[in-house]
N, C-alpha and C. Protein backbone atom coordinates (compact mmCIF):
# COMPACT_ATOMS: atom_id res chain seq x y z
N MET A 1 79.91 141.45 33.85
CA MET A 1 78.77 140.81 34.07
C MET A 1 77.82 141.47 33.03
N LEU A 2 77.13 140.27 32.50
CA LEU A 2 76.34 140.63 31.41
C LEU A 2 74.70 140.98 31.77
N LYS A 3 74.17 142.10 31.46
CA LYS A 3 72.69 142.19 31.72
C LYS A 3 71.77 142.10 31.09
N ILE A 4 70.91 141.37 30.97
CA ILE A 4 69.76 141.04 30.06
C ILE A 4 68.24 141.35 30.42
N LEU A 5 67.77 141.95 29.81
CA LEU A 5 66.37 142.28 30.04
C LEU A 5 65.35 141.55 29.21
N PHE A 6 64.24 140.93 29.53
CA PHE A 6 63.65 140.07 28.81
C PHE A 6 62.21 141.19 28.65
N VAL A 7 61.54 141.23 27.67
CA VAL A 7 60.27 142.00 27.47
C VAL A 7 59.32 141.19 26.62
N CYS A 8 58.01 141.83 27.11
CA CYS A 8 57.01 141.21 26.58
C CYS A 8 55.69 142.28 26.30
N HIS A 9 54.57 142.26 26.59
CA HIS A 9 53.64 143.08 26.18
C HIS A 9 53.13 143.48 27.87
N GLY A 10 52.79 142.70 28.72
CA GLY A 10 52.41 143.05 29.88
C GLY A 10 53.28 142.56 31.21
N ASN A 11 54.24 141.67 30.89
CA ASN A 11 55.37 141.55 31.59
C ASN A 11 54.66 140.70 32.69
N ILE A 12 53.86 139.95 32.69
CA ILE A 12 53.28 138.83 33.43
C ILE A 12 53.30 137.15 33.13
N CYS A 13 53.44 137.14 31.92
CA CYS A 13 53.38 135.77 31.27
C CYS A 13 55.03 135.53 30.80
N ARG A 14 55.05 135.87 29.79
CA ARG A 14 56.36 135.33 29.08
C ARG A 14 57.43 135.78 29.13
N SER A 15 57.66 136.94 29.55
CA SER A 15 58.93 137.56 29.91
C SER A 15 59.28 137.27 31.37
N PRO A 16 58.36 137.29 32.28
CA PRO A 16 58.71 136.86 33.60
C PRO A 16 59.30 135.22 33.76
N MET A 17 58.79 134.30 32.54
CA MET A 17 58.99 133.17 32.48
C MET A 17 60.30 132.87 32.10
N ALA A 18 60.70 133.72 31.06
CA ALA A 18 61.96 133.76 30.20
C ALA A 18 62.73 133.98 31.24
N GLU A 19 62.91 135.32 32.49
CA GLU A 19 63.66 135.57 32.82
C GLU A 19 63.92 134.67 34.40
N MET A 20 62.84 134.42 34.75
CA MET A 20 62.98 133.13 36.14
C MET A 20 63.78 131.79 35.37
N PHE A 21 63.55 131.31 34.12
CA PHE A 21 63.98 130.37 33.35
C PHE A 21 65.51 130.45 33.56
N MET A 22 65.69 131.27 32.74
CA MET A 22 66.98 132.18 32.80
C MET A 22 68.13 132.21 33.70
N LYS A 23 67.50 132.66 34.81
CA LYS A 23 68.63 132.68 35.91
C LYS A 23 68.51 131.04 36.41
N ASN A 24 67.58 130.52 36.49
CA ASN A 24 67.93 129.04 36.82
C ASN A 24 69.06 128.23 36.11
N LEU A 25 68.87 128.84 34.61
CA LEU A 25 69.69 128.25 33.51
C LEU A 25 71.24 128.55 33.82
N VAL A 26 71.30 129.86 33.82
CA VAL A 26 72.83 130.13 34.40
C VAL A 26 73.18 129.64 35.77
N LYS A 27 72.40 129.97 36.77
CA LYS A 27 72.55 129.28 38.34
C LYS A 27 73.09 127.94 38.00
N ASN A 28 72.40 126.97 37.09
CA ASN A 28 72.47 125.61 37.26
C ASN A 28 73.86 125.47 36.45
N SER A 29 74.23 126.26 35.48
CA SER A 29 75.67 126.22 34.66
C SER A 29 76.70 126.91 35.36
N GLY A 30 76.33 127.19 36.69
CA GLY A 30 77.59 127.91 37.76
C GLY A 30 78.10 129.55 36.88
N LEU A 31 77.19 130.16 36.01
CA LEU A 31 77.55 131.17 35.95
C LEU A 31 76.74 132.62 36.52
N GLU A 32 75.88 132.18 37.75
CA GLU A 32 75.22 132.85 38.23
C GLU A 32 75.70 134.42 38.05
N LYS A 33 77.20 134.56 38.53
CA LYS A 33 77.59 135.80 38.87
C LYS A 33 78.19 136.82 37.74
N GLU A 34 77.99 136.05 36.45
CA GLU A 34 78.42 136.50 35.29
C GLU A 34 77.08 137.14 34.61
N PHE A 35 75.84 137.28 35.31
CA PHE A 35 74.47 137.60 34.73
C PHE A 35 73.81 138.58 35.43
N PHE A 36 72.97 139.31 34.76
CA PHE A 36 72.16 140.01 35.87
C PHE A 36 70.78 139.94 34.87
N ILE A 37 69.78 139.40 35.31
CA ILE A 37 68.70 139.22 34.39
C ILE A 37 67.32 139.67 35.23
N GLU A 38 66.62 140.59 34.24
CA GLU A 38 65.40 141.06 34.85
C GLU A 38 64.29 140.82 33.63
N SER A 39 63.02 141.28 33.62
CA SER A 39 62.07 141.31 32.94
C SER A 39 60.93 142.63 32.97
N ALA A 40 60.72 143.14 31.88
CA ALA A 40 59.87 144.61 31.92
C ALA A 40 58.81 143.98 30.85
N ALA A 41 57.44 145.06 30.91
CA ALA A 41 56.93 144.98 30.14
C ALA A 41 56.66 146.19 29.03
N CYS A 42 56.55 146.08 27.94
CA CYS A 42 56.67 147.08 26.56
C CYS A 42 55.06 148.05 26.87
N ARG A 43 54.02 147.61 27.30
CA ARG A 43 52.69 148.37 27.50
C ARG A 43 52.47 148.51 28.84
N THR A 44 51.42 149.19 29.27
CA THR A 44 51.27 149.56 30.45
C THR A 44 49.88 149.08 31.09
N ASP A 45 49.37 147.86 30.50
CA ASP A 45 48.26 147.15 30.59
C ASP A 45 48.62 146.71 32.12
N GLU A 46 49.37 145.89 32.32
CA GLU A 46 49.52 145.05 33.66
C GLU A 46 50.09 145.81 34.61
N ILE A 47 51.07 147.16 34.39
CA ILE A 47 51.73 147.65 35.51
C ILE A 47 51.19 147.03 36.80
N GLY A 48 52.29 146.59 37.86
CA GLY A 48 52.03 146.28 39.28
C GLY A 48 51.49 144.86 39.22
N ASN A 49 50.99 144.27 38.57
CA ASN A 49 50.63 143.23 38.74
C ASN A 49 51.57 142.07 38.90
N PRO A 50 50.90 140.92 39.34
CA PRO A 50 51.97 139.66 40.00
C PRO A 50 51.87 138.80 38.75
N ILE A 51 53.07 137.67 38.50
CA ILE A 51 53.12 137.04 37.44
C ILE A 51 51.65 136.21 37.48
N HIS A 52 51.38 135.86 35.94
CA HIS A 52 50.23 135.24 35.70
C HIS A 52 50.00 133.80 36.58
N ARG A 53 48.67 133.53 36.52
CA ARG A 53 49.05 131.94 37.46
C ARG A 53 49.37 131.08 36.63
N GLY A 54 48.89 131.04 35.21
CA GLY A 54 49.65 129.74 34.56
C GLY A 54 50.85 129.88 34.65
N THR A 55 51.63 131.07 34.36
CA THR A 55 52.82 131.01 34.66
C THR A 55 53.52 130.39 35.54
N VAL A 56 53.30 130.97 36.89
CA VAL A 56 53.37 130.64 38.48
C VAL A 56 53.15 128.88 38.31
N LEU A 57 52.28 128.44 37.35
CA LEU A 57 51.81 127.04 37.65
C LEU A 57 52.92 126.28 36.55
N LYS A 58 53.23 126.41 35.68
CA LYS A 58 54.36 125.92 35.08
C LYS A 58 55.65 126.24 35.28
N LEU A 59 55.89 127.57 36.00
CA LEU A 59 57.38 127.30 36.68
C LEU A 59 57.46 126.38 38.02
N LYS A 60 56.46 126.25 38.71
CA LYS A 60 56.38 125.08 39.94
C LYS A 60 56.62 123.69 39.29
N GLU A 61 56.04 123.40 38.18
CA GLU A 61 55.67 121.96 37.65
C GLU A 61 57.33 121.71 36.84
N LYS A 62 57.74 122.91 36.45
CA LYS A 62 59.47 122.75 35.98
C LYS A 62 60.44 122.87 37.26
N ASN A 63 60.09 122.98 38.30
CA ASN A 63 60.94 122.92 39.25
C ASN A 63 61.71 124.33 39.25
N VAL A 64 61.50 125.17 38.71
CA VAL A 64 62.18 126.38 38.68
C VAL A 64 61.66 127.57 39.66
N PRO A 65 62.58 128.16 40.44
CA PRO A 65 62.21 129.21 41.46
C PRO A 65 61.80 130.61 40.77
N PHE A 66 61.32 131.27 41.39
CA PHE A 66 60.63 132.65 40.93
C PHE A 66 60.30 133.41 42.24
N THR A 67 60.21 134.78 42.03
CA THR A 67 60.53 135.67 42.69
C THR A 67 58.89 136.36 43.10
N ASP A 68 58.62 137.09 43.96
CA ASP A 68 57.28 137.78 43.76
C ASP A 68 57.64 139.31 43.23
N HIS A 69 57.69 138.54 41.62
CA HIS A 69 57.73 139.85 40.46
C HIS A 69 56.41 140.41 40.19
N ARG A 70 56.72 141.88 40.01
CA ARG A 70 55.61 142.70 39.91
C ARG A 70 56.09 143.06 38.17
N ALA A 71 55.00 143.52 37.45
CA ALA A 71 55.04 143.88 36.04
C ALA A 71 55.74 145.49 36.44
N ARG A 72 56.30 145.86 35.25
CA ARG A 72 57.09 147.31 35.35
C ARG A 72 57.41 147.59 33.82
N LEU A 73 57.05 148.80 33.66
CA LEU A 73 57.29 149.63 32.34
C LEU A 73 58.73 149.20 31.88
N ILE A 74 59.44 148.97 30.73
CA ILE A 74 60.47 149.35 30.27
C ILE A 74 60.79 151.05 30.34
N THR A 75 61.79 151.08 30.63
CA THR A 75 62.31 152.54 30.31
C THR A 75 63.41 153.10 29.36
N GLN A 76 63.57 154.07 29.31
CA GLN A 76 64.57 155.16 28.36
C GLN A 76 66.17 154.33 28.94
N GLU A 77 65.88 154.47 30.36
CA GLU A 77 67.19 154.49 30.92
C GLU A 77 67.47 152.91 31.25
N ASP A 78 66.55 151.85 30.83
CA ASP A 78 66.87 150.17 30.44
C ASP A 78 67.89 150.44 29.41
N TYR A 79 67.50 151.04 28.26
CA TYR A 79 68.77 150.82 27.39
C TYR A 79 69.89 151.15 27.42
N GLY A 80 70.26 152.02 28.31
CA GLY A 80 71.88 152.15 28.83
C GLY A 80 72.29 150.88 29.45
N PHE A 81 71.63 150.85 30.49
CA PHE A 81 71.74 149.48 31.36
C PHE A 81 71.75 148.44 30.98
N TYR A 82 71.32 147.86 30.54
CA TYR A 82 71.30 146.65 29.88
C TYR A 82 71.78 146.25 28.27
N ASP A 83 72.90 145.10 28.21
CA ASP A 83 73.45 144.75 27.25
C ASP A 83 72.70 144.37 26.21
N LEU A 84 71.52 143.70 26.39
CA LEU A 84 70.77 142.76 25.69
C LEU A 84 69.54 143.00 26.28
N ILE A 85 68.36 143.55 25.46
CA ILE A 85 67.24 143.35 25.67
C ILE A 85 65.90 142.45 24.44
N ILE A 86 65.79 141.31 25.40
CA ILE A 86 65.68 140.12 24.54
C ILE A 86 63.62 140.29 24.37
N ALA A 87 63.21 140.71 23.27
CA ALA A 87 61.61 140.40 23.02
C ALA A 87 60.76 139.47 22.60
N MET A 88 60.27 139.23 23.30
CA MET A 88 59.25 137.70 22.97
C MET A 88 58.08 137.92 21.29
N ASP A 89 58.47 138.63 20.70
CA ASP A 89 57.61 139.08 19.34
C ASP A 89 57.84 140.44 18.70
N GLU A 90 57.47 140.20 17.61
CA GLU A 90 57.55 141.56 16.14
C GLU A 90 57.02 142.58 16.82
N GLU A 91 55.67 142.48 17.96
CA GLU A 91 55.15 143.47 18.38
C GLU A 91 55.75 144.20 19.34
N ASN A 92 56.59 143.59 20.12
CA ASN A 92 57.69 144.11 21.18
C ASN A 92 58.57 144.68 20.43
N MET A 93 59.00 143.93 19.38
CA MET A 93 60.25 144.73 18.63
C MET A 93 59.97 146.06 18.29
N GLY A 94 58.89 146.05 17.46
CA GLY A 94 58.42 147.56 17.23
C GLY A 94 58.35 148.38 18.29
N ASP A 95 57.41 148.31 19.39
CA ASP A 95 57.90 149.03 20.69
C ASP A 95 59.01 149.54 21.18
N LEU A 96 59.72 148.23 20.92
CA LEU A 96 61.45 148.85 21.31
C LEU A 96 61.96 149.67 20.28
N LYS A 97 61.37 149.27 19.06
CA LYS A 97 62.41 150.56 18.24
C LYS A 97 61.98 151.90 18.15
N ARG A 98 60.53 152.00 18.24
CA ARG A 98 60.12 153.23 18.76
C ARG A 98 60.66 153.93 19.78
N LYS A 99 60.77 153.07 21.10
CA LYS A 99 61.28 153.52 22.29
C LYS A 99 63.32 154.11 22.34
N PHE A 100 63.39 153.22 21.70
CA PHE A 100 64.94 153.41 22.06
C PHE A 100 65.89 153.87 20.40
N ALA A 101 64.66 154.53 19.47
CA ALA A 101 65.19 155.25 18.53
C ALA A 101 66.09 154.33 17.54
N ASP A 102 65.35 153.42 17.07
CA ASP A 102 65.87 152.43 16.08
C ASP A 102 66.66 151.21 16.53
N ASP A 103 67.20 151.45 17.65
CA ASP A 103 68.19 150.41 18.56
C ASP A 103 69.54 150.37 17.79
N LYS A 104 69.96 151.52 18.00
CA LYS A 104 71.21 152.27 16.98
C LYS A 104 72.40 151.47 17.31
N GLU A 105 72.50 150.52 18.79
CA GLU A 105 73.56 149.68 19.25
C GLU A 105 73.24 148.26 19.30
N ASN A 106 72.15 148.00 18.44
CA ASN A 106 71.86 146.76 18.23
C ASN A 106 71.58 145.93 19.56
N LYS A 107 70.72 146.41 20.03
CA LYS A 107 71.01 145.39 21.87
C LYS A 107 69.52 144.59 21.51
N CYS A 108 68.47 145.06 20.85
CA CYS A 108 67.01 144.37 21.00
C CYS A 108 67.08 143.29 20.03
N HIS A 109 66.75 141.90 20.48
CA HIS A 109 66.77 141.35 19.39
C HIS A 109 65.10 140.11 20.11
N LYS A 110 64.63 139.42 19.05
CA LYS A 110 63.46 138.47 19.33
C LYS A 110 64.45 136.81 20.19
N LEU A 111 64.28 136.59 21.22
CA LEU A 111 64.04 135.55 21.62
C LEU A 111 64.52 134.39 20.77
N LEU A 112 63.58 133.74 20.05
CA LEU A 112 63.71 132.60 19.34
C LEU A 112 64.49 132.94 18.11
N GLU A 113 65.33 134.10 17.73
CA GLU A 113 66.15 134.11 16.70
C GLU A 113 67.37 133.39 17.22
N TYR A 114 67.66 133.26 18.46
CA TYR A 114 68.86 132.69 18.71
C TYR A 114 68.70 130.91 18.76
N ALA A 115 67.55 130.52 18.53
CA ALA A 115 67.35 129.11 18.42
C ALA A 115 67.25 129.05 16.86
N GLY A 116 67.33 130.16 16.22
CA GLY A 116 67.27 129.92 14.47
C GLY A 116 65.92 129.96 14.24
N LEU A 117 65.21 130.55 14.83
CA LEU A 117 63.41 130.61 14.13
C LEU A 117 63.17 132.34 14.09
N SER A 118 62.43 132.52 13.22
CA SER A 118 62.13 133.61 12.73
C SER A 118 60.58 134.22 13.60
N ARG A 119 60.25 132.87 14.31
CA ARG A 119 58.38 133.36 14.77
C ARG A 119 58.61 133.69 15.91
N ASP A 120 57.73 134.31 16.49
CA ASP A 120 57.27 134.74 17.93
C ASP A 120 56.82 133.56 18.85
N VAL A 121 57.36 134.24 20.53
CA VAL A 121 57.11 133.30 21.29
C VAL A 121 55.79 133.30 21.36
N ALA A 122 55.46 131.73 21.80
CA ALA A 122 53.70 131.96 21.58
C ALA A 122 53.13 132.62 23.02
N ASP A 123 52.02 133.30 23.03
CA ASP A 123 51.54 134.36 23.94
C ASP A 123 50.46 133.85 24.75
N PRO A 124 50.24 133.02 25.67
CA PRO A 124 49.81 132.18 26.40
C PRO A 124 48.25 133.15 27.04
N TRP A 125 48.70 134.25 26.94
CA TRP A 125 47.09 135.24 27.24
C TRP A 125 46.21 135.12 26.46
N TYR A 126 46.63 134.85 25.20
CA TYR A 126 45.67 134.57 24.13
C TYR A 126 45.54 133.26 23.77
N THR A 127 46.35 132.63 23.93
CA THR A 127 46.27 131.18 23.47
C THR A 127 45.92 130.20 24.31
N GLY A 128 46.34 130.64 25.94
CA GLY A 128 45.81 130.13 27.27
C GLY A 128 46.96 128.47 27.38
N ASN A 129 47.52 128.76 26.08
CA ASN A 129 48.60 127.42 25.85
C ASN A 129 49.94 127.55 26.86
N PHE A 130 50.14 127.53 27.92
CA PHE A 130 51.20 127.63 28.82
C PHE A 130 52.19 126.72 28.44
N ASP A 131 52.21 125.24 27.82
CA ASP A 131 53.00 124.36 27.17
C ASP A 131 53.61 125.05 26.17
N ALA A 132 53.17 125.42 25.15
CA ALA A 132 53.98 126.04 24.20
C ALA A 132 54.69 126.83 24.34
N THR A 133 54.39 127.80 25.37
CA THR A 133 55.24 129.12 25.17
C THR A 133 56.32 128.67 26.34
N TRP A 134 56.29 127.68 27.56
CA TRP A 134 57.48 127.05 27.76
C TRP A 134 58.01 126.47 26.87
N SER A 135 57.94 125.55 26.19
CA SER A 135 58.62 125.30 24.78
C SER A 135 59.40 126.12 24.47
N ASP A 136 58.93 127.16 23.65
CA ASP A 136 59.77 128.30 22.89
C ASP A 136 60.27 128.98 24.28
N VAL A 137 60.32 129.19 25.55
CA VAL A 137 61.24 130.01 26.33
C VAL A 137 62.39 128.99 26.67
N GLU A 138 62.17 128.07 26.85
CA GLU A 138 63.11 127.02 27.26
C GLU A 138 64.21 126.78 25.59
N LYS A 139 63.70 126.70 24.61
CA LYS A 139 64.44 126.71 23.56
C LYS A 139 64.95 127.92 23.25
N GLY A 140 64.54 129.11 23.29
CA GLY A 140 65.22 130.70 23.18
C GLY A 140 66.10 130.51 24.39
N CYS A 141 65.90 130.15 25.59
CA CYS A 141 66.74 131.06 26.40
C CYS A 141 68.22 129.99 26.36
N LYS A 142 67.57 128.37 26.43
CA LYS A 142 69.45 127.70 25.96
C LYS A 142 69.97 128.45 24.95
N ALA A 143 69.33 128.29 23.87
CA ALA A 143 70.49 128.55 22.55
C ALA A 143 70.90 130.42 22.83
N LEU A 144 70.23 131.04 23.74
CA LEU A 144 70.74 132.40 24.13
C LEU A 144 72.08 132.24 24.79
N LEU A 145 71.68 131.13 25.88
CA LEU A 145 73.02 131.00 27.01
C LEU A 145 74.16 130.44 26.04
N THR A 146 73.59 129.40 25.37
CA THR A 146 75.14 128.83 24.34
C THR A 146 75.49 129.76 23.43
N SER A 147 74.72 131.15 22.97
CA SER A 147 75.36 131.79 22.27
C SER A 147 76.40 132.82 23.08
N LEU A 148 76.09 133.07 24.25
CA LEU A 148 76.59 133.85 24.91
C LEU A 148 77.79 133.13 25.77
N LYS A 149 78.11 131.69 25.56
CA LYS A 149 78.89 131.17 26.05
C LYS A 149 80.26 131.08 24.91
N THR A 150 79.77 131.30 23.80
CA THR A 150 80.62 131.43 22.62
C THR A 150 81.43 132.52 22.72
N PRO A 151 82.52 133.17 22.76
CA PRO A 151 83.17 134.34 22.60
C PRO A 151 83.22 134.94 21.27
N GLU A 152 83.17 134.43 20.41
CA GLU A 152 82.81 134.99 18.99
C GLU A 152 81.58 135.86 18.69
N SER A 153 80.85 135.33 19.73
CA SER A 153 79.03 135.45 19.26
C SER A 153 78.52 136.32 20.45
N ALA A 154 79.34 136.72 21.51
CA ALA A 154 79.22 137.47 22.68
C ALA A 154 78.94 138.90 22.11
N GLN A 155 78.29 139.48 22.69
CA GLN A 155 77.74 140.77 22.27
C GLN A 155 78.55 142.07 22.50
């Protein structure tokens, strides 16, 4: 089973959107039993808070099931547990490198790199644009799943 952890700043917008979409994507691909997917925050701002209402509305609009997720902080133990830790932006990558001693096992990656893009996933906390974030998350997660289904690219 491949274990994936999506992370963003507060774990209320982008990373839970990616978590719920990826869970739905693997389920619809018949691969649900092959993956364990969760999300966490790099910072403490939103710990314990539910998914942002904008993310909830976007998930409902796209018919993506979601749970009563509460933001949690990424831990040192997460590095040993998860196979991949997928960040939404460069700030998150910096947080992960500091927390995990420069990521010696190469587990930490930006989501959009799987789609061949070097830019960050748009942050709707600042932009208010959940459509742009959805587009980024959808593109990144689909490309991530495709890369994981290709034997030579599996981590």
